[in-house]
């Protein structure tokens, strides 16, 4: 699924999923077998194969939902 990554005013990483009209703060970052796994405040886990540099945000990237 396509998601947008950005930083909010407080400096937190935020994920926006347009198809679900969902915007959540990232509460945990871990390394997975195939890339970076971000855990959102609502409990979703999204896997990113190519995690962009935080200096290039906001950016739309491809993610896979794990949970």
PDB file of N, CA and C in Angstrom:
ATOM      1  N   UNK A   1       0.838  -1.174   0.000  1.00  0.00           N
ATOM      2  CA  UNK A   1       0.000   0.000   0.000  1.00  0.00           C
ATOM      3  C   UNK A   1       0.884   1.240   0.000  1.00  0.00           C
ATOM      4  N   UNK A   2       0.394   2.308  -0.568  1.00  0.00           N
ATOM      5  CA  UNK A   2       1.125   3.572  -0.587  1.00  0.00           C
ATOM      6  C   UNK A   2       0.828   4.338   0.698  1.00  0.00           C
ATOM      7  N   UNK A   3       1.878   4.827   1.345  1.00  0.00           N
ATOM      8  CA  UNK A   3       1.739   5.639   2.554  1.00  0.00           C
ATOM      9  C   UNK A   3       2.637   6.863   2.439  1.00  0.00           C
ATOM     10  N   UNK A   4       2.269   7.902   3.151  1.00  0.00           N
ATOM     11  CA  UNK A   4       3.095   9.096   3.181  1.00  0.00           C
ATOM     12  C   UNK A   4       3.761   9.199   4.549  1.00  0.00           C
ATOM     13  N   UNK A   5       5.053   9.441   4.548  1.00  0.00           N
ATOM     14  CA  UNK A   5       5.814   9.642   5.782  1.00  0.00           C
ATOM     15  C   UNK A   5       6.155  11.116   5.893  1.00  0.00           C
ATOM     16  N   UNK A   6       6.010  11.662   7.100  1.00  0.00           N
ATOM     17  CA  UNK A   6       6.373  13.054   7.345  1.00  0.00           C
ATOM     18  C   UNK A   6       6.705  13.228   8.812  1.00  0.00           C
ATOM     19  N   UNK A   7       7.246  14.381   9.166  1.00  0.00           N
ATOM     20  CA  UNK A   7       7.502  14.754  10.561  1.00  0.00           C
ATOM     21  C   UNK A   7       6.445  15.771  10.977  1.00  0.00           C
ATOM     22  N   UNK A   8       5.905  15.635  12.195  1.00  0.00           N
ATOM     23  CA  UNK A   8       4.958  16.638  12.679  1.00  0.00           C
ATOM     24  C   UNK A   8       5.720  17.763  13.386  1.00  0.00           C
ATOM     25  N   UNK A   9       4.993  18.743  13.915  1.00  0.00           N
ATOM     26  CA  UNK A   9       5.617  19.899  14.553  1.00  0.00           C
ATOM     27  C   UNK A   9       6.453  19.520  15.774  1.00  0.00           C
ATOM     28  N   UNK A  10       6.089  18.415  16.433  1.00  0.00           N
ATOM     29  CA  UNK A  10       6.826  17.961  17.616  1.00  0.00           C
ATOM     30  C   UNK A  10       8.057  17.140  17.246  1.00  0.00           C
ATOM     31  N   UNK A  11       8.241  16.855  15.942  1.00  0.00           N
ATOM     32  CA  UNK A  11       9.394  16.091  15.500  1.00  0.00           C
ATOM     33  C   UNK A  11       9.164  14.595  15.436  1.00  0.00           C
ATOM     34  N   UNK A  12       7.918  14.157  15.659  1.00  0.00           N
ATOM     35  CA  UNK A  12       7.597  12.731  15.594  1.00  0.00           C
ATOM     36  C   UNK A  12       7.370  12.307  14.147  1.00  0.00           C
ATOM     37  N   UNK A  13       7.723  11.078  13.816  1.00  0.00           N
ATOM     38  CA  UNK A  13       7.455  10.514  12.503  1.00  0.00           C
ATOM     39  C   UNK A  13       5.980  10.142  12.428  1.00  0.00           C
ATOM     40  N   UNK A  14       5.297  10.568  11.357  1.00  0.00           N
ATOM     41  CA  UNK A  14       3.868  10.332  11.186  1.00  0.00           C
ATOM     42  C   UNK A  14       3.650   9.594   9.873  1.00  0.00           C
ATOM     43  N   UNK A  15       2.753   8.598   9.897  1.00  0.00           N
ATOM     44  CA  UNK A  15       2.393   7.836   8.704  1.00  0.00           C
ATOM     45  C   UNK A  15       0.951   8.170   8.356  1.00  0.00           C
ATOM     46  N   UNK A  16       0.712   8.492   7.066  1.00  0.00           N
ATOM     47  CA  UNK A  16      -0.644   8.751   6.585  1.00  0.00           C
ATOM     48  C   UNK A  16      -0.975   7.729   5.512  1.00  0.00           C
ATOM     49  N   UNK A  17      -2.109   7.006   5.707  1.00  0.00           N
ATOM     50  CA  UNK A  17      -2.594   6.024   4.737  1.00  0.00           C
ATOM     51  C   UNK A  17      -3.851   6.604   4.112  1.00  0.00           C
ATOM     52  N   UNK A  18      -3.744   7.044   2.848  1.00  0.00           N
ATOM     53  CA  UNK A  18      -4.848   7.749   2.190  1.00  0.00           C
ATOM     54  C   UNK A  18      -6.081   6.868   2.009  1.00  0.00           C
ATOM     55  N   UNK A  19      -5.894   5.608   1.612  1.00  0.00           N
ATOM     56  CA  UNK A  19      -7.043   4.730   1.363  1.00  0.00           C
ATOM     57  C   UNK A  19      -7.868   4.467   2.611  1.00  0.00           C
ATOM     58  N   UNK A  20      -7.249   4.555   3.774  1.00  0.00           N
ATOM     59  CA  UNK A  20      -7.949   4.343   5.045  1.00  0.00           C
ATOM     60  C   UNK A  20      -8.239   5.660   5.761  1.00  0.00           C
ATOM     61  N   UNK A  21      -7.789   6.795   5.182  1.00  0.00           N
ATOM     62  CA  UNK A  21      -7.886   8.104   5.818  1.00  0.00           C
ATOM     63  C   UNK A  21      -7.384   8.023   7.266  1.00  0.00           C
ATOM     64  N   UNK A  22      -6.188   7.458   7.400  1.00  0.00           N
ATOM     65  CA  UNK A  22      -5.595   7.175   8.705  1.00  0.00           C
ATOM     66  C   UNK A  22      -4.275   7.916   8.832  1.00  0.00           C
ATOM     67  N   UNK A  23      -4.120   8.632   9.930  1.00  0.00           N
ATOM     68  CA  UNK A  23      -2.866   9.305  10.229  1.00  0.00           C
ATOM     69  C   UNK A  23      -2.489   8.967  11.663  1.00  0.00           C
ATOM     70  N   UNK A  24      -1.334   8.318  11.824  1.00  0.00           N
ATOM     71  CA  UNK A  24      -0.901   7.866  13.143  1.00  0.00           C
ATOM     72  C   UNK A  24       0.582   8.158  13.346  1.00  0.00           C
ATOM     73  N   UNK A  25       0.952   8.358  14.598  1.00  0.00           N
ATOM     74  CA  UNK A  25       2.350   8.577  14.987  1.00  0.00           C
ATOM     75  C   UNK A  25       3.048   7.229  15.123  1.00  0.00           C
ATOM     76  N   UNK A  26       4.293   7.170  14.715  1.00  0.00           N
ATOM     77  CA  UNK A  26       5.110   5.965  14.873  1.00  0.00           C
ATOM     78  C   UNK A  26       5.589   5.907  16.322  1.00  0.00           C
ATOM     79  N   UNK A  27       5.295   4.786  16.998  1.00  0.00           N
ATOM     80  CA  UNK A  27       5.683   4.638  18.398  1.00  0.00           C
ATOM     81  C   UNK A  27       6.888   3.721  18.580  1.00  0.00           C
ATOM     82  N   UNK A  28       7.226   2.935  17.526  1.00  0.00           N
ATOM     83  CA  UNK A  28       8.344   2.003  17.651  1.00  0.00           C
ATOM     84  C   UNK A  28       8.912   1.709  16.266  1.00  0.00           C
ATOM     85  N   UNK A  29      10.239   1.639  16.180  1.00  0.00           N
ATOM     86  CA  UNK A  29      10.929   1.265  14.946  1.00  0.00           C
ATOM     87  C   UNK A  29      11.825   0.070  15.238  1.00  0.00           C
ATOM     88  N   UNK A  30      11.693  -0.991  14.424  1.00  0.00           N
ATOM     89  CA  UNK A  30      12.541  -2.167  14.583  1.00  0.00           C
ATOM     90  C   UNK A  30      13.036  -2.607  13.206  1.00  0.00           C
ATOM     91  N   UNK A  31      14.099  -3.395  13.201  1.00  0.00           N
ATOM     92  CA  UNK A  31      14.620  -3.959  11.961  1.00  0.00           C
ATOM     93  C   UNK A  31      14.010  -5.331  11.762  1.00  0.00           C
ATOM     94  N   UNK A  32      13.436  -5.544  10.579  1.00  0.00           N
ATOM     95  CA  UNK A  32      12.854  -6.834  10.250  1.00  0.00           C
ATOM     96  C   UNK A  32      13.735  -7.583   9.278  1.00  0.00           C
ATOM     97  N   UNK A  33      13.266  -8.751   8.843  1.00  0.00           N
ATOM     98  CA  UNK A  33      14.025  -9.589   7.921  1.00  0.00           C
ATOM     99  C   UNK A  33      14.191  -8.926   6.558  1.00  0.00           C
ATOM    100  N   UNK A  34      13.180  -8.173   6.129  1.00  0.00           N
ATOM    101  CA  UNK A  34      13.219  -7.576   4.789  1.00  0.00           C
ATOM    102  C   UNK A  34      13.268  -6.059   4.810  1.00  0.00           C
ATOM    103  N   UNK A  35      13.418  -5.449   5.971  1.00  0.00           N
ATOM    104  CA  UNK A  35      13.482  -3.989   6.030  1.00  0.00           C
ATOM    105  C   UNK A  35      13.111  -3.461   7.394  1.00  0.00           C
ATOM    106  N   UNK A  36      12.743  -2.200   7.439  1.00  0.00           N
ATOM    107  CA  UNK A  36      12.384  -1.517   8.684  1.00  0.00           C
ATOM    108  C   UNK A  36      10.898  -1.743   8.976  1.00  0.00           C
ATOM    109  N   UNK A  37      10.564  -2.033  10.239  1.00  0.00           N
ATOM    110  CA  UNK A  37       9.179  -2.214  10.663  1.00  0.00           C
ATOM    111  C   UNK A  37       8.820  -1.058  11.591  1.00  0.00           C
ATOM    112  N   UNK A  38       7.752  -0.346  11.240  1.00  0.00           N
ATOM    113  CA  UNK A  38       7.252   0.755  12.055  1.00  0.00           C
ATOM    114  C   UNK A  38       5.956   0.326  12.716  1.00  0.00           C
ATOM    115  N   UNK A  39       5.856   0.512  14.024  1.00  0.00           N
ATOM    116  CA  UNK A  39       4.627   0.240  14.772  1.00  0.00           C
ATOM    117  C   UNK A  39       3.934   1.566  15.013  1.00  0.00           C
ATOM    118  N   UNK A  40       2.665   1.643  14.614  1.00  0.00           N
ATOM    119  CA  UNK A  40       1.887   2.874  14.759  1.00  0.00           C
ATOM    120  C   UNK A  40       1.153   2.889  16.089  1.00  0.00           C
ATOM    121  N   UNK A  41       0.669   4.057  16.479  1.00  0.00           N
ATOM    122  CA  UNK A  41      -0.027   4.223  17.756  1.00  0.00           C
ATOM    123  C   UNK A  41      -1.294   3.372  17.836  1.00  0.00           C
ATOM    124  N   UNK A  42      -1.907   3.041  16.696  1.00  0.00           N
ATOM    125  CA  UNK A  42      -3.126   2.230  16.717  1.00  0.00           C
ATOM    126  C   UNK A  42      -2.834   0.727  16.718  1.00  0.00           C
ATOM    127  N   UNK A  43      -1.546   0.343  16.715  1.00  0.00           N
ATOM    128  CA  UNK A  43      -1.169  -1.064  16.771  1.00  0.00           C
ATOM    129  C   UNK A  43      -0.763  -1.663  15.441  1.00  0.00           C
ATOM    130  N   UNK A  44      -1.003  -0.974  14.336  1.00  0.00           N
ATOM    131  CA  UNK A  44      -0.599  -1.486  13.027  1.00  0.00           C
ATOM    132  C   UNK A  44       0.917  -1.598  12.958  1.00  0.00           C
ATOM    133  N   UNK A  45       1.400  -2.617  12.251  1.00  0.00           N
ATOM    134  CA  UNK A  45       2.819  -2.749  11.953  1.00  0.00           C
ATOM    135  C   UNK A  45       2.980  -2.694  10.440  1.00  0.00           C
ATOM    136  N   UNK A  46       3.815  -1.780   9.973  1.00  0.00           N
ATOM    137  CA  UNK A  46       4.063  -1.612   8.549  1.00  0.00           C
ATOM    138  C   UNK A  46       5.531  -1.889   8.265  1.00  0.00           C
ATOM    139  N   UNK A  47       5.787  -2.669   7.207  1.00  0.00           N
ATOM    140  CA  UNK A  47       7.157  -2.990   6.824  1.00  0.00           C
ATOM    141  C   UNK A  47       7.546  -2.191   5.586  1.00  0.00           C
ATOM    142  N   UNK A  48       8.723  -1.591   5.645  1.00  0.00           N
ATOM    143  CA  UNK A  48       9.248  -0.783   4.554  1.00  0.00           C
ATOM    144  C   UNK A  48      10.554  -1.407   4.080  1.00  0.00           C
ATOM    145  N   UNK A  49      10.623  -1.790   2.811  1.00  0.00           N
ATOM    146  CA  UNK A  49      11.857  -2.364   2.260  1.00  0.00           C
ATOM    147  C   UNK A  49      12.916  -1.290   2.098  1.00  0.00           C
ATOM    148  N   UNK A  50      12.521  -0.137   1.597  1.00  0.00           N
ATOM    149  CA  UNK A  50      13.455   0.968   1.369  1.00  0.00           C
ATOM    150  C   UNK A  50      13.024   2.160   2.198  1.00  0.00           C
ATOM    151  N   UNK A  51      13.523   2.248   3.411  1.00  0.00           N
ATOM    152  CA  UNK A  51      13.183   3.352   4.296  1.00  0.00           C
ATOM    153  C   UNK A  51      13.955   4.601   3.856  1.00  0.00           C
ATOM    154  N   UNK A  52      13.235   5.693   3.552  1.00  0.00           N
ATOM    155  CA  UNK A  52      13.929   6.900   3.087  1.00  0.00           C
ATOM    156  C   UNK A  52      14.657   7.613   4.224  1.00  0.00           C
ATOM    157  N   UNK A  53      15.587   8.454   3.849  1.00  0.00           N
ATOM    158  CA  UNK A  53      16.296   9.290   4.800  1.00  0.00           C
ATOM    159  C   UNK A  53      15.317  10.314   5.367  1.00  0.00           C
ATOM    160  N   UNK A  54      15.371  10.563   6.670  1.00  0.00           N
ATOM    161  CA  UNK A  54      14.421  11.478   7.306  1.00  0.00           C
ATOM    162  C   UNK A  54      14.564  12.912   6.815  1.00  0.00           C
ATOM    163  N   UNK A  55      15.693  13.257   6.203  1.00  0.00           N
ATOM    164  CA  UNK A  55      15.876  14.603   5.669  1.00  0.00           C
ATOM    165  C   UNK A  55      15.090  14.826   4.386  1.00  0.00           C
ATOM    166  N   UNK A  56      14.654  13.732   3.726  1.00  0.00           N
ATOM    167  CA  UNK A  56      13.929  13.851   2.463  1.00  0.00           C
ATOM    168  C   UNK A  56      12.409  13.824   2.648  1.00  0.00           C
ATOM    169  N   UNK A  57      11.925  13.870   3.872  1.00  0.00           N
ATOM    170  CA  UNK A  57      10.484  13.826   4.132  1.00  0.00           C
ATOM    171  C   UNK A  57       9.852  15.189   3.892  1.00  0.00           C
ATOM    172  N   UNK A  58       8.591  15.296   3.525  1.00  0.00           N
ATOM    173  CA  UNK A  58       7.592  14.238   3.345  1.00  0.00           C
ATOM    174  C   UNK A  58       7.812  13.490   2.040  1.00  0.00           C
ATOM    175  N   UNK A  59       7.408  12.202   2.063  1.00  0.00           N
ATOM    176  CA  UNK A  59       7.648  11.336   0.917  1.00  0.00           C
ATOM    177  C   UNK A  59       6.616  10.216   0.905  1.00  0.00           C
ATOM    178  N   UNK A  60       6.139   9.850  -0.283  1.00  0.00           N
ATOM    179  CA  UNK A  60       5.219   8.723  -0.433  1.00  0.00           C
ATOM    180  C   UNK A  60       6.027   7.491  -0.796  1.00  0.00           C
ATOM    181  N   UNK A  61       5.801   6.402  -0.046  1.00  0.00           N
ATOM    182  CA  UNK A  61       6.563   5.162  -0.258  1.00  0.00           C
ATOM    183  C   UNK A  61       5.610   3.961  -0.202  1.00  0.00           C
ATOM    184  N   UNK A  62       6.119   2.818  -0.604  1.00  0.00           N
ATOM    185  CA  UNK A  62       5.363   1.566  -0.564  1.00  0.00           C
ATOM    186  C   UNK A  62       5.626   0.853   0.760  1.00  0.00           C
ATOM    187  N   UNK A  63       4.559   0.354   1.383  1.00  0.00           N
ATOM    188  CA  UNK A  63       4.673  -0.367   2.657  1.00  0.00           C
ATOM    189  C   UNK A  63       3.800  -1.614   2.601  1.00  0.00           C
ATOM    190  N   UNK A  64       4.106  -2.555   3.469  1.00  0.00           N
ATOM    191  CA  UNK A  64       3.305  -3.776   3.584  1.00  0.00           C
ATOM    192  C   UNK A  64       2.826  -3.892   5.021  1.00  0.00           C
ATOM    193  N   UNK A  65       1.516  -4.092   5.192  1.00  0.00           N
ATOM    194  CA  UNK A  65       0.954  -4.214   6.537  1.00  0.00           C
ATOM    195  C   UNK A  65       1.178  -5.627   7.064  1.00  0.00           C
ATOM    196  N   UNK A  66       1.752  -5.716   8.264  1.00  0.00           N
ATOM    197  CA  UNK A  66       2.009  -7.005   8.896  1.00  0.00           C
ATOM    198  C   UNK A  66       0.923  -7.366   9.893  1.00  0.00           C
ATOM    199  N   UNK A  67       0.511  -6.399  10.710  1.00  0.00           N
ATOM    200  CA  UNK A  67      -0.513  -6.666  11.740  1.00  0.00           C
ATOM    201  C   UNK A  67      -1.384  -5.461  11.937  1.00  0.00           C
TER     202      UNK A  67
END
